[in-house]
Amino acid sequence: MIQGYKKILIGIDGSVESAAAFDKAVAVAKRNDAELLLVNVIDLRSFQSISTYDTMVAEDTKRGAEQLITDFADEARAAGVTKIKTIVEFGSPKVMMATTLPTQEQVDLIMIGATGLSYIERLFIGSVAQYIVTHATCDTLIIR
């Protein structure tokens, strides 16, 4: 049975793993004439160490994420993907990419890179990829 996808969510965080997942997602999007939803969710926990929430830091982080996503969108267009949407949000990457965005955007497939975390980090905080696989509301594919 051949699966046809209409909307593919790809988590982009700048890691080697997410770049590999992006390459695969572009190929799947082209084969299916699907829309590619490029997503970066900025984890609010990363700001917990800042004593007083500094909006400048948050704004700089968001601008950097938007530039990263824009670069990937340009690369997808150059590869022949015509339907692209970009999203940069603050929140929990696990929840946003497993349930919130797939439901809001009617996503058929989530493609993400395997974790870049060490064994100890995965043990204490868990990986986004692992969470998405167990909680996603649609098909998921982890790229190593």
Foldseek 3Di string as FASTA:
>chain_A
DDDAWAEEEQEDDPDPQSVQLLVVVLVNCVVRVHAYEYEYEAEPVVQPVPPDRDVVVVVVVQVVVVVRSVVSVVVSVVVPRDHYHYDYYYDDLLCCQADVVCVVVVGAEYEYEPDPDDPVCCVPPNDSLVSNVVRHPHHYDYGD
